[in-house]
PDB file of N, CA and C in Angstrom:
ATOM      1  N   MET A   1      -6.272   3.095  -0.371  1.00  0.00           N
ATOM      2  CA  MET A   1      -7.859   3.899  -1.436  1.00  0.00           C
ATOM      3  C   MET A   1      -8.137   4.790  -0.378  1.00  0.00           C
ATOM      4  N   ARG A   2      -9.057   5.902  -1.306  1.00  0.00           N
ATOM      5  CA  ARG A   2      -9.122   7.309  -0.549  1.00  0.00           C
ATOM      6  C   ARG A   2     -10.198   7.285   0.566  1.00  0.00           C
ATOM      7  N   MET A   3     -10.691   7.685   1.113  1.00  0.00           N
ATOM      8  CA  MET A   3     -12.635   7.873   2.295  1.00  0.00           C
ATOM      9  C   MET A   3     -12.421   9.254   1.695  1.00  0.00           C
ATOM     10  N   ARG A   4     -13.463   9.063   1.568  1.00  0.00           N
ATOM     11  CA  ARG A   4     -14.564  10.073   0.574  1.00  0.00           C
ATOM     12  C   ARG A   4     -15.485  10.529   2.131  1.00  0.00           C
ATOM     13  N   VAL A   5     -15.458  12.234   2.308  1.00  0.00           N
ATOM     14  CA  VAL A   5     -16.212  12.525   3.706  1.00  0.00           C
ATOM     15  C   VAL A   5     -17.520  13.489   2.599  1.00  0.00           C
ATOM     16  N   LEU A   6     -18.777  13.632   3.262  1.00  0.00           N
ATOM     17  CA  LEU A   6     -19.281  14.186   2.711  1.00  0.00           C
ATOM     18  C   LEU A   6     -20.084  14.752   4.217  1.00  0.00           C
ATOM     19  N   ILE A   7     -19.567  16.455   3.867  1.00  0.00           N
ATOM     20  CA  ILE A   7     -20.335  17.076   4.788  1.00  0.00           C
ATOM     21  C   ILE A   7     -20.953  18.220   4.673  1.00  0.00           C
ATOM     22  N   THR A   8     -22.051  18.063   5.150  1.00  0.00           N
ATOM     23  CA  THR A   8     -24.046  18.907   4.968  1.00  0.00           C
ATOM     24  C   THR A   8     -23.298  19.948   6.307  1.00  0.00           C
ATOM     25  N   GLY A   9     -23.671  21.166   5.627  1.00  0.00           N
ATOM     26  CA  GLY A   9     -22.952  22.399   6.393  1.00  0.00           C
ATOM     27  C   GLY A   9     -21.843  23.071   6.687  1.00  0.00           C
ATOM     28  N   ALA A  10     -21.411  23.099   5.521  1.00  0.00           N
ATOM     29  CA  ALA A  10     -20.182  23.095   5.063  1.00  0.00           C
ATOM     30  C   ALA A  10     -19.931  24.794   5.102  1.00  0.00           C
ATOM     31  N   ASP A  11     -20.622  25.706   5.202  1.00  0.00           N
ATOM     32  CA  ASP A  11     -20.880  27.283   5.474  1.00  0.00           C
ATOM     33  C   ASP A  11     -21.231  27.044   7.135  1.00  0.00           C
ATOM     34  N   GLY A  12     -21.145  26.489   7.572  1.00  0.00           N
ATOM     35  CA  GLY A  12     -21.365  26.396   9.398  1.00  0.00           C
ATOM     36  C   GLY A  12     -20.121  26.622  10.175  1.00  0.00           C
ATOM     37  N   PHE A  13     -19.866  26.898  11.095  1.00  0.00           N
ATOM     38  CA  PHE A  13     -18.723  27.228  11.612  1.00  0.00           C
ATOM     39  C   PHE A  13     -17.917  25.614  12.014  1.00  0.00           C
ATOM     40  N   ILE A  14     -18.766  24.619  12.497  1.00  0.00           N
ATOM     41  CA  ILE A  14     -18.205  22.993  12.847  1.00  0.00           C
ATOM     42  C   ILE A  14     -17.672  22.655  11.318  1.00  0.00           C
ATOM     43  N   GLY A  15     -18.489  23.144  10.221  1.00  0.00           N
ATOM     44  CA  GLY A  15     -18.147  22.720   8.795  1.00  0.00           C
ATOM     45  C   GLY A  15     -17.289  23.191   8.168  1.00  0.00           C
ATOM     46  N   ASN A  16     -17.380  24.166   8.718  1.00  0.00           N
ATOM     47  CA  ASN A  16     -15.899  24.962   8.018  1.00  0.00           C
ATOM     48  C   ASN A  16     -14.730  24.834   8.716  1.00  0.00           C
ATOM     49  N   ASN A  17     -14.674  24.758   9.582  1.00  0.00           N
ATOM     50  CA  ASN A  17     -13.422  23.992  10.470  1.00  0.00           C
ATOM     51  C   ASN A  17     -13.184  22.356  10.417  1.00  0.00           C
ATOM     52  N   LEU A  18     -14.310  21.444  10.413  1.00  0.00           N
ATOM     53  CA  LEU A  18     -13.889  20.598  10.016  1.00  0.00           C
ATOM     54  C   LEU A  18     -13.545  20.335   8.147  1.00  0.00           C
ATOM     55  N   GLN A  19     -13.910  20.679   6.968  1.00  0.00           N
ATOM     56  CA  GLN A  19     -12.856  20.902   6.278  1.00  0.00           C
ATOM     57  C   GLN A  19     -12.013  21.381   5.854  1.00  0.00           C
ATOM     58  N   LEU A  20     -11.219  21.956   7.048  1.00  0.00           N
ATOM     59  CA  LEU A  20     -10.275  22.227   6.402  1.00  0.00           C
ATOM     60  C   LEU A  20      -9.613  21.540   7.300  1.00  0.00           C
ATOM     61  N   HIS A  21      -9.494  21.161   8.063  1.00  0.00           N
ATOM     62  CA  HIS A  21      -8.757  19.582   8.495  1.00  0.00           C
ATOM     63  C   HIS A  21      -8.692  18.594   8.561  1.00  0.00           C
ATOM     64  N   LEU A  22      -9.866  18.205   7.761  1.00  0.00           N
ATOM     65  CA  LEU A  22      -9.883  16.992   6.543  1.00  0.00           C
ATOM     66  C   LEU A  22      -8.933  17.333   4.875  1.00  0.00           C
ATOM     67  N   ALA A  23      -8.862  18.700   4.918  1.00  0.00           N
ATOM     68  CA  ALA A  23      -7.838  19.114   3.033  1.00  0.00           C
ATOM     69  C   ALA A  23      -6.605  19.171   3.738  1.00  0.00           C
ATOM     70  N   GLU A  24      -6.366  18.601   5.226  1.00  0.00           N
ATOM     71  CA  GLU A  24      -4.661  18.474   5.618  1.00  0.00           C
ATOM     72  C   GLU A  24      -4.577  17.189   4.879  1.00  0.00           C
ATOM     73  N   ARG A  25      -5.246  16.129   4.763  1.00  0.00           N
ATOM     74  CA  ARG A  25      -4.966  15.085   5.402  1.00  0.00           C
ATOM     75  C   ARG A  25      -5.271  13.868   3.107  1.00  0.00           C
ATOM     76  N   LYS A  26      -4.395  13.490   3.409  1.00  0.00           N
ATOM     77  CA  LYS A  26      -3.782  13.036   1.993  1.00  0.00           C
ATOM     78  C   LYS A  26      -4.866  12.174   1.485  1.00  0.00           C
ATOM     79  N   ASP A  27      -5.531  10.922   2.420  1.00  0.00           N
ATOM     80  CA  ASP A  27      -6.330   9.717   2.149  1.00  0.00           C
ATOM     81  C   ASP A  27      -7.874  10.154   2.419  1.00  0.00           C
ATOM     82  N   VAL A  28      -7.795  11.736   2.792  1.00  0.00           N
ATOM     83  CA  VAL A  28      -9.641  11.985   2.177  1.00  0.00           C
ATOM     84  C   VAL A  28      -9.693  12.786   1.281  1.00  0.00           C
ATOM     85  N   GLN A  29     -11.064  12.460   0.652  1.00  0.00           N
ATOM     86  CA  GLN A  29     -11.584  13.148  -0.108  1.00  0.00           C
ATOM     87  C   GLN A  29     -12.588  13.777  -0.017  1.00  0.00           C
ATOM     88  N   VAL A  30     -12.795  15.191   0.729  1.00  0.00           N
ATOM     89  CA  VAL A  30     -13.857  15.673   1.064  1.00  0.00           C
ATOM     90  C   VAL A  30     -15.120  16.736   0.104  1.00  0.00           C
ATOM     91  N   VAL A  31     -16.034  16.203   0.333  1.00  0.00           N
ATOM     92  CA  VAL A  31     -16.824  16.843  -0.503  1.00  0.00           C
ATOM     93  C   VAL A  31     -18.011  17.446   0.199  1.00  0.00           C
ATOM     94  N   CYS A  32     -18.167  19.058  -0.041  1.00  0.00           N
ATOM     95  CA  CYS A  32     -18.923  19.631   0.411  1.00  0.00           C
ATOM     96  C   CYS A  32     -20.434  20.173  -0.153  1.00  0.00           C
ATOM     97  N   PHE A  33     -21.795  20.373   0.845  1.00  0.00           N
ATOM     98  CA  PHE A  33     -22.690  20.149   0.493  1.00  0.00           C
ATOM     99  C   PHE A  33     -23.209  21.260   1.552  1.00  0.00           C
ATOM    100  N   THR A  34     -24.133  22.278   0.876  1.00  0.00           N
ATOM    101  CA  THR A  34     -24.703  23.625   1.652  1.00  0.00           C
ATOM    102  C   THR A  34     -26.019  24.059   1.389  1.00  0.00           C
ATOM    103  N   ARG A  35     -26.443  24.741   1.668  1.00  0.00           N
ATOM    104  CA  ARG A  35     -27.693  25.157   1.489  1.00  0.00           C
ATOM    105  C   ARG A  35     -28.227  25.889  -0.349  1.00  0.00           C
ATOM    106  N   HIS A  36     -27.083  25.986  -0.802  1.00  0.00           N
ATOM    107  CA  HIS A  36     -27.078  26.571  -1.649  1.00  0.00           C
ATOM    108  C   HIS A  36     -27.069  26.043  -2.659  1.00  0.00           C
ATOM    109  N   HIS A  37     -26.272  24.568  -2.841  1.00  0.00           N
ATOM    110  CA  HIS A  37     -26.303  23.390  -3.893  1.00  0.00           C
ATOM    111  C   HIS A  37     -27.995  23.412  -4.292  1.00  0.00           C
ATOM    112  N   ASP A  38     -28.028  23.227  -5.444  1.00  0.00           N
ATOM    113  CA  ASP A  38     -29.532  22.543  -5.998  1.00  0.00           C
ATOM    114  C   ASP A  38     -28.961  21.202  -6.378  1.00  0.00           C
ATOM    115  N   LEU A  39     -30.734  20.755  -5.481  1.00  0.00           N
ATOM    116  CA  LEU A  39     -30.077  18.984  -5.487  1.00  0.00           C
ATOM    117  C   LEU A  39     -30.266  18.607  -7.098  1.00  0.00           C
ATOM    118  N   ALA A  40     -31.279  19.197  -8.125  1.00  0.00           N
ATOM    119  CA  ALA A  40     -32.117  18.263  -9.137  1.00  0.00           C
ATOM    120  C   ALA A  40     -30.444  18.482 -10.021  1.00  0.00           C
ATOM    121  N   GLN A  41     -29.097  18.614 -10.098  1.00  0.00           N
ATOM    122  CA  GLN A  41     -28.084  17.843 -10.518  1.00  0.00           C
ATOM    123  C   GLN A  41     -28.005  17.443 -10.356  1.00  0.00           C
TER     124      GLN A  41
END
């Protein structure tokens, strides 16, 4: 079973590094959210 992780602020320093670190793991699906995303979608 894959764990899904939502990273808010994925463009920032911590969010970007967390995204890169978690991308190495096969058991984690990373979903990124930034201020440029539209909530209406």
